[in-house]
Amino acid sequence: MNTFKVKKISTDQNNTVKAIVSTIEDLETLWGKLEKEKSNHIKNLAQKGYSIKNEDDIDYIYTCDYHDEQQKWIRLGKADEYFNNATEQKARQAKFILEQIKTIEDEQEKIRAKIRNLKKQAEEILLDCLIG
């Protein structure tokens, strides 16, 4: 299994995932993984009853509409657009999860600070008892 070092991952204003990788080989590995994910999306579509048809070197997604026992294929759009939309949705989900983690970490730090303050107060009270 190929691994690569990611120096930075972020999303832009359109929630498009941006990754900065360390080498060209790493970039090629990342591209290969994205292509595999795209292929998996297309397979998932096929399993759900959609069809992928290539016309003029563009993959289109079709769905079958049964009307009066006749099949009618309806073009939904370009497969790439479907894949990009699915990827953007995943990016939004990941960003939301990361924001939740950050919020929890912030709350944990507040609790740690409160614990430190309470320990300090307890020590001061104990010192007062010993001295007092």
N, C-alpha and C. Protein backbone atom coordinates (compact mmCIF):
# COMPACT_ATOMS: atom_id res chain seq x y z
N MET A 1 0.85 -1.18 0.00
CA MET A 1 0.00 0.00 0.00
C MET A 1 0.89 1.24 0.00
N ASN A 2 0.65 2.14 -0.90
CA ASN A 2 1.42 3.37 -0.96
C ASN A 2 0.91 4.36 0.08
N THR A 3 1.84 5.04 0.70
CA THR A 3 1.47 6.11 1.62
C THR A 3 2.15 7.38 1.16
N PHE A 4 1.62 8.50 1.58
CA PHE A 4 2.24 9.76 1.21
C PHE A 4 2.08 10.73 2.37
N LYS A 5 3.00 11.66 2.45
CA LYS A 5 2.95 12.66 3.51
C LYS A 5 2.13 13.84 3.03
N VAL A 6 1.13 14.17 3.78
CA VAL A 6 0.32 15.34 3.45
C VAL A 6 0.79 16.46 4.35
N LYS A 7 1.23 17.54 3.74
CA LYS A 7 1.72 18.66 4.53
C LYS A 7 0.57 19.51 5.04
N LYS A 8 -0.48 19.62 4.26
CA LYS A 8 -1.60 20.47 4.67
C LYS A 8 -2.86 20.04 3.92
N ILE A 9 -3.98 19.98 4.63
CA ILE A 9 -5.28 19.73 4.00
C ILE A 9 -6.18 20.88 4.42
N SER A 10 -6.88 21.44 3.46
CA SER A 10 -7.82 22.51 3.76
C SER A 10 -8.95 22.47 2.75
N THR A 11 -9.95 23.31 2.98
CA THR A 11 -11.03 23.45 2.01
C THR A 11 -11.13 24.93 1.63
N ASP A 12 -11.52 25.16 0.38
CA ASP A 12 -11.68 26.55 -0.04
C ASP A 12 -13.13 26.97 0.19
N GLN A 13 -13.49 28.15 -0.31
CA GLN A 13 -14.83 28.67 -0.07
C GLN A 13 -15.92 27.80 -0.70
N ASN A 14 -15.57 26.96 -1.66
CA ASN A 14 -16.53 26.04 -2.28
C ASN A 14 -16.48 24.66 -1.64
N ASN A 15 -15.79 24.55 -0.49
CA ASN A 15 -15.61 23.27 0.21
C ASN A 15 -14.91 22.23 -0.63
N THR A 16 -14.06 22.67 -1.55
CA THR A 16 -13.25 21.76 -2.34
C THR A 16 -12.00 21.43 -1.52
N VAL A 17 -11.71 20.14 -1.42
CA VAL A 17 -10.56 19.73 -0.62
C VAL A 17 -9.28 20.09 -1.34
N LYS A 18 -8.39 20.72 -0.63
CA LYS A 18 -7.07 21.06 -1.16
C LYS A 18 -6.05 20.32 -0.30
N ALA A 19 -5.12 19.62 -0.94
CA ALA A 19 -4.08 18.91 -0.20
C ALA A 19 -2.72 19.29 -0.76
N ILE A 20 -1.79 19.58 0.11
CA ILE A 20 -0.42 19.85 -0.30
C ILE A 20 0.39 18.62 0.10
N VAL A 21 0.96 17.95 -0.87
CA VAL A 21 1.71 16.73 -0.61
C VAL A 21 3.19 16.99 -0.80
N SER A 22 4.02 16.05 -0.35
CA SER A 22 5.45 16.33 -0.28
C SER A 22 6.20 16.10 -1.59
N THR A 23 5.77 15.18 -2.44
CA THR A 23 6.51 14.91 -3.66
C THR A 23 5.56 14.67 -4.83
N ILE A 24 6.12 14.69 -6.03
CA ILE A 24 5.33 14.40 -7.23
C ILE A 24 4.78 12.97 -7.15
N GLU A 25 5.61 12.03 -6.65
CA GLU A 25 5.15 10.65 -6.52
C GLU A 25 3.94 10.58 -5.60
N ASP A 26 3.99 11.38 -4.52
CA ASP A 26 2.86 11.41 -3.59
C ASP A 26 1.61 11.96 -4.28
N LEU A 27 1.79 12.97 -5.10
CA LEU A 27 0.67 13.54 -5.83
C LEU A 27 0.07 12.51 -6.78
N GLU A 28 0.93 11.73 -7.45
CA GLU A 28 0.44 10.69 -8.34
C GLU A 28 -0.33 9.62 -7.56
N THR A 29 0.15 9.30 -6.37
CA THR A 29 -0.55 8.34 -5.52
C THR A 29 -1.91 8.87 -5.13
N LEU A 30 -1.96 10.15 -4.74
CA LEU A 30 -3.22 10.78 -4.36
C LEU A 30 -4.18 10.78 -5.54
N TRP A 31 -3.68 11.12 -6.73
CA TRP A 31 -4.51 11.14 -7.94
C TRP A 31 -5.08 9.74 -8.19
N GLY A 32 -4.24 8.72 -8.05
CA GLY A 32 -4.70 7.34 -8.24
C GLY A 32 -5.80 6.97 -7.28
N LYS A 33 -5.67 7.41 -6.03
CA LYS A 33 -6.71 7.12 -5.04
C LYS A 33 -8.01 7.83 -5.39
N LEU A 34 -7.92 9.06 -5.88
CA LEU A 34 -9.13 9.78 -6.28
C LEU A 34 -9.79 9.11 -7.48
N GLU A 35 -8.98 8.65 -8.44
CA GLU A 35 -9.53 7.95 -9.60
C GLU A 35 -10.22 6.66 -9.17
N LYS A 36 -9.63 5.96 -8.21
CA LYS A 36 -10.24 4.72 -7.71
C LYS A 36 -11.56 5.03 -7.02
N GLU A 37 -11.58 6.10 -6.23
CA GLU A 37 -12.81 6.49 -5.55
C GLU A 37 -13.89 6.85 -6.57
N LYS A 38 -13.49 7.55 -7.63
CA LYS A 38 -14.44 7.89 -8.69
C LYS A 38 -15.01 6.62 -9.32
N SER A 39 -14.14 5.66 -9.59
CA SER A 39 -14.56 4.39 -10.16
C SER A 39 -15.54 3.68 -9.24
N ASN A 40 -15.27 3.73 -7.93
CA ASN A 40 -16.17 3.10 -6.96
C ASN A 40 -17.53 3.79 -6.95
N HIS A 41 -17.56 5.13 -7.09
CA HIS A 41 -18.83 5.85 -7.16
C HIS A 41 -19.64 5.39 -8.37
N ILE A 42 -18.96 5.24 -9.49
CA ILE A 42 -19.65 4.82 -10.71
C ILE A 42 -20.21 3.41 -10.54
N LYS A 43 -19.43 2.51 -9.92
CA LYS A 43 -19.92 1.15 -9.66
C LYS A 43 -21.13 1.18 -8.73
N ASN A 44 -21.07 2.04 -7.71
CA ASN A 44 -22.20 2.16 -6.78
C ASN A 44 -23.45 2.64 -7.51
N LEU A 45 -23.27 3.56 -8.43
CA LEU A 45 -24.42 4.03 -9.22
C LEU A 45 -25.03 2.88 -10.01
N ALA A 46 -24.18 2.09 -10.63
CA ALA A 46 -24.67 0.97 -11.43
C ALA A 46 -25.44 -0.01 -10.55
N GLN A 47 -24.97 -0.24 -9.34
CA GLN A 47 -25.66 -1.14 -8.43
C GLN A 47 -27.00 -0.59 -8.00
N LYS A 48 -27.16 0.71 -8.04
CA LYS A 48 -28.42 1.34 -7.64
C LYS A 48 -29.38 1.48 -8.82
N GLY A 49 -29.03 0.91 -9.97
CA GLY A 49 -29.94 0.93 -11.11
C GLY A 49 -29.69 2.06 -12.09
N TYR A 50 -28.62 2.78 -11.93
CA TYR A 50 -28.27 3.83 -12.87
C TYR A 50 -27.35 3.24 -13.93
N SER A 51 -27.23 3.93 -15.02
CA SER A 51 -26.35 3.48 -16.10
C SER A 51 -25.37 4.59 -16.43
N ILE A 52 -24.16 4.18 -16.75
CA ILE A 52 -23.14 5.13 -17.20
C ILE A 52 -22.91 4.86 -18.68
N LYS A 53 -23.08 5.88 -19.48
CA LYS A 53 -22.84 5.75 -20.92
C LYS A 53 -21.86 6.81 -21.36
N ASN A 54 -20.89 6.39 -22.15
CA ASN A 54 -19.88 7.31 -22.66
C ASN A 54 -20.31 7.82 -24.03
N GLU A 55 -20.41 9.13 -24.13
CA GLU A 55 -20.77 9.77 -25.40
C GLU A 55 -19.78 10.90 -25.65
N ASP A 56 -19.09 10.83 -26.75
CA ASP A 56 -18.09 11.86 -27.10
C ASP A 56 -17.06 12.04 -26.00
N ASP A 57 -16.59 10.92 -25.46
CA ASP A 57 -15.57 10.89 -24.40
C ASP A 57 -16.03 11.54 -23.09
N ILE A 58 -17.33 11.62 -22.89
CA ILE A 58 -17.87 12.13 -21.63
C ILE A 58 -18.79 11.06 -21.07
N ASP A 59 -18.58 10.71 -19.78
CA ASP A 59 -19.45 9.74 -19.11
C ASP A 59 -20.69 10.46 -18.59
N TYR A 60 -21.87 9.95 -18.98
CA TYR A 60 -23.13 10.51 -18.51
C TYR A 60 -23.85 9.48 -17.64
N ILE A 61 -24.59 9.98 -16.66
CA ILE A 61 -25.40 9.12 -15.79
C ILE A 61 -26.84 9.13 -16.32
N TYR A 62 -27.39 7.94 -16.45
CA TYR A 62 -28.78 7.79 -16.87
C TYR A 62 -29.54 7.01 -15.82
N THR A 63 -30.81 7.31 -15.71
CA THR A 63 -31.71 6.51 -14.87
C THR A 63 -32.84 6.02 -15.75
N CYS A 64 -33.39 4.88 -15.36
CA CYS A 64 -34.44 4.28 -16.18
C CYS A 64 -35.80 4.64 -15.60
N ASP A 65 -36.67 5.14 -16.45
CA ASP A 65 -38.03 5.48 -16.07
C ASP A 65 -38.96 4.51 -16.78
N TYR A 66 -39.74 3.80 -16.00
CA TYR A 66 -40.70 2.87 -16.60
C TYR A 66 -42.05 3.55 -16.70
N HIS A 67 -42.51 3.71 -17.92
CA HIS A 67 -43.80 4.35 -18.14
C HIS A 67 -44.59 3.46 -19.09
N ASP A 68 -45.74 3.00 -18.64
CA ASP A 68 -46.57 2.10 -19.45
C ASP A 68 -45.76 0.90 -19.93
N GLU A 69 -44.99 0.31 -18.99
CA GLU A 69 -44.18 -0.88 -19.24
C GLU A 69 -43.12 -0.69 -20.32
N GLN A 70 -42.78 0.55 -20.61
CA GLN A 70 -41.70 0.82 -21.58
C GLN A 70 -40.55 1.50 -20.82
N GLN A 71 -39.35 1.07 -21.17
CA GLN A 71 -38.19 1.69 -20.55
C GLN A 71 -37.85 3.00 -21.25
N LYS A 72 -37.60 4.00 -20.46
CA LYS A 72 -37.16 5.27 -21.01
C LYS A 72 -35.96 5.72 -20.17
N TRP A 73 -34.80 5.88 -20.83
CA TRP A 73 -33.60 6.31 -20.12
C TRP A 73 -33.52 7.83 -20.11
N ILE A 74 -33.33 8.38 -18.92
CA ILE A 74 -33.26 9.83 -18.75
C ILE A 74 -31.84 10.20 -18.32
N ARG A 75 -31.23 11.13 -19.07
CA ARG A 75 -29.88 11.58 -18.71
C ARG A 75 -29.97 12.53 -17.52
N LEU A 76 -29.21 12.18 -16.48
CA LEU A 76 -29.20 13.01 -15.27
C LEU A 76 -28.08 14.05 -15.28
N GLY A 77 -26.97 13.71 -15.90
CA GLY A 77 -25.85 14.64 -15.93
C GLY A 77 -24.55 13.91 -16.13
N LYS A 78 -23.48 14.67 -16.06
CA LYS A 78 -22.14 14.11 -16.26
C LYS A 78 -21.70 13.36 -15.00
N ALA A 79 -21.06 12.22 -15.20
CA ALA A 79 -20.58 11.41 -14.08
C ALA A 79 -19.56 12.19 -13.25
N ASP A 80 -18.71 12.97 -13.92
CA ASP A 80 -17.71 13.77 -13.20
C ASP A 80 -18.37 14.75 -12.24
N GLU A 81 -19.47 15.35 -12.69
CA GLU A 81 -20.16 16.31 -11.83
C GLU A 81 -20.75 15.60 -10.61
N TYR A 82 -21.30 14.40 -10.85
CA TYR A 82 -21.82 13.62 -9.72
C TYR A 82 -20.69 13.33 -8.74
N PHE A 83 -19.57 12.88 -9.27
CA PHE A 83 -18.42 12.55 -8.42
C PHE A 83 -17.95 13.78 -7.65
N ASN A 84 -17.83 14.92 -8.34
CA ASN A 84 -17.38 16.15 -7.69
C ASN A 84 -18.35 16.57 -6.59
N ASN A 85 -19.65 16.45 -6.86
CA ASN A 85 -20.64 16.81 -5.85
C ASN A 85 -20.53 15.89 -4.63
N ALA A 86 -20.35 14.59 -4.89
CA ALA A 86 -20.20 13.64 -3.78
C ALA A 86 -18.94 13.96 -2.99
N THR A 87 -17.86 14.30 -3.67
CA THR A 87 -16.60 14.62 -3.00
C THR A 87 -16.75 15.89 -2.17
N GLU A 88 -17.42 16.90 -2.73
CA GLU A 88 -17.65 18.15 -1.99
C GLU A 88 -18.50 17.90 -0.75
N GLN A 89 -19.49 17.01 -0.89
CA GLN A 89 -20.33 16.69 0.27
C GLN A 89 -19.50 16.03 1.35
N LYS A 90 -18.61 15.12 0.96
CA LYS A 90 -17.72 14.48 1.93
C LYS A 90 -16.81 15.52 2.58
N ALA A 91 -16.33 16.46 1.79
CA ALA A 91 -15.45 17.51 2.32
C ALA A 91 -16.20 18.35 3.35
N ARG A 92 -17.46 18.68 3.06
CA ARG A 92 -18.26 19.45 4.02
C ARG A 92 -18.46 18.65 5.30
N GLN A 93 -18.73 17.34 5.16
CA GLN A 93 -18.91 16.49 6.34
C GLN A 93 -17.63 16.43 7.16
N ALA A 94 -16.50 16.27 6.49
CA ALA A 94 -15.22 16.21 7.19
C ALA A 94 -14.93 17.53 7.90
N LYS A 95 -15.20 18.64 7.21
CA LYS A 95 -14.97 19.96 7.80
C LYS A 95 -15.85 20.14 9.04
N PHE A 96 -17.11 19.71 8.96
CA PHE A 96 -18.03 19.81 10.10
C PHE A 96 -17.51 19.00 11.28
N ILE A 97 -17.05 17.77 11.00
CA ILE A 97 -16.52 16.91 12.06
C ILE A 97 -15.29 17.54 12.69
N LEU A 98 -14.40 18.09 11.85
CA LEU A 98 -13.20 18.74 12.39
C LEU A 98 -13.56 19.95 13.25
N GLU A 99 -14.59 20.68 12.85
CA GLU A 99 -15.04 21.82 13.65
C GLU A 99 -15.59 21.34 14.99
N GLN A 100 -16.32 20.21 14.98
CA GLN A 100 -16.83 19.66 16.23
C GLN A 100 -15.67 19.25 17.14
N ILE A 101 -14.66 18.61 16.56
CA ILE A 101 -13.50 18.19 17.35
C ILE A 101 -12.82 19.41 17.97
N LYS A 102 -12.66 20.48 17.19
CA LYS A 102 -12.04 21.71 17.69
C LYS A 102 -12.84 22.27 18.85
N THR A 103 -14.16 22.28 18.72
CA THR A 103 -15.02 22.78 19.79
C THR A 103 -14.85 21.95 21.05
N ILE A 104 -14.80 20.63 20.90
CA ILE A 104 -14.62 19.75 22.05
C ILE A 104 -13.25 19.98 22.69
N GLU A 105 -12.22 20.12 21.85
CA GLU A 105 -10.87 20.38 22.38
C GLU A 105 -10.83 21.70 23.14
N ASP A 106 -11.52 22.72 22.61
CA ASP A 106 -11.59 24.01 23.31
C ASP A 106 -12.27 23.86 24.67
N GLU A 107 -13.36 23.10 24.70
CA GLU A 107 -14.07 22.88 25.95
C GLU A 107 -13.20 22.10 26.94
N GLN A 108 -12.45 21.11 26.42
CA GLN A 108 -11.54 20.35 27.29
C GLN A 108 -10.49 21.28 27.90
N GLU A 109 -9.97 22.20 27.12
CA GLU A 109 -8.96 23.13 27.63
C GLU A 109 -9.56 24.02 28.71
N LYS A 110 -10.80 24.45 28.53
CA LYS A 110 -11.46 25.26 29.56
C LYS A 110 -11.61 24.46 30.85
N ILE A 111 -11.97 23.18 30.72
CA ILE A 111 -12.13 22.32 31.90
C ILE A 111 -10.78 22.11 32.58
N ARG A 112 -9.71 21.89 31.78
CA ARG A 112 -8.38 21.72 32.36
C ARG A 112 -7.97 22.99 33.13
N ALA A 113 -8.26 24.15 32.57
CA ALA A 113 -7.93 25.41 33.23
C ALA A 113 -8.71 25.54 34.55
N LYS A 114 -9.96 25.13 34.52
CA LYS A 114 -10.79 25.20 35.73
C LYS A 114 -10.24 24.25 36.80
N ILE A 115 -9.81 23.06 36.36
CA ILE A 115 -9.22 22.09 37.30
C ILE A 115 -7.94 22.66 37.91
N ARG A 116 -7.11 23.28 37.08
CA ARG A 116 -5.86 23.89 37.60
C ARG A 116 -6.19 24.96 38.65
N ASN A 117 -7.20 25.79 38.37
CA ASN A 117 -7.59 26.84 39.31
C ASN A 117 -8.13 26.25 40.61
N LEU A 118 -8.92 25.18 40.50
CA LEU A 118 -9.47 24.55 41.71
C LEU A 118 -8.36 23.90 42.54
N LYS A 119 -7.39 23.28 41.87
CA LYS A 119 -6.25 22.69 42.59
C LYS A 119 -5.48 23.78 43.33
N LYS A 120 -5.28 24.91 42.65
CA LYS A 120 -4.55 26.03 43.26
C LYS A 120 -5.31 26.54 44.49
N GLN A 121 -6.62 26.67 44.38
CA GLN A 121 -7.43 27.12 45.51
C GLN A 121 -7.34 26.13 46.66
N ALA A 122 -7.40 24.82 46.33
CA ALA A 122 -7.31 23.80 47.38
C ALA A 122 -5.95 23.87 48.08
N GLU A 123 -4.87 24.05 47.31
CA GLU A 123 -3.53 24.16 47.90
C GLU A 123 -3.44 25.38 48.80
N GLU A 124 -4.02 26.50 48.37
CA GLU A 124 -3.98 27.71 49.18
C GLU A 124 -4.75 27.52 50.49
N ILE A 125 -5.89 26.84 50.40
CA ILE A 125 -6.68 26.58 51.61
C ILE A 125 -5.91 25.67 52.56
N LEU A 126 -5.27 24.62 52.00
CA LEU A 126 -4.47 23.73 52.85
C LEU A 126 -3.30 24.46 53.49
N LEU A 127 -2.64 25.35 52.74
CA LEU A 127 -1.54 26.13 53.30
C LEU A 127 -2.04 27.03 54.43
N ASP A 128 -3.21 27.66 54.21
CA ASP A 128 -3.79 28.51 55.25
C ASP A 128 -4.06 27.69 56.52
N CYS A 129 -4.53 26.44 56.34
CA CYS A 129 -4.81 25.58 57.49
C CYS A 129 -3.52 25.25 58.24
N LEU A 130 -2.45 24.95 57.50
CA LEU A 130 -1.18 24.58 58.12
C LEU A 130 -0.53 25.77 58.81
N ILE A 131 -0.62 26.93 58.16
CA ILE A 131 0.02 28.13 58.70
C ILE A 131 -0.84 28.74 59.79
N GLY A 132 -2.13 28.75 59.55
CA GLY A 132 -3.09 29.48 60.31
C GLY A 132 -3.36 29.14 61.67
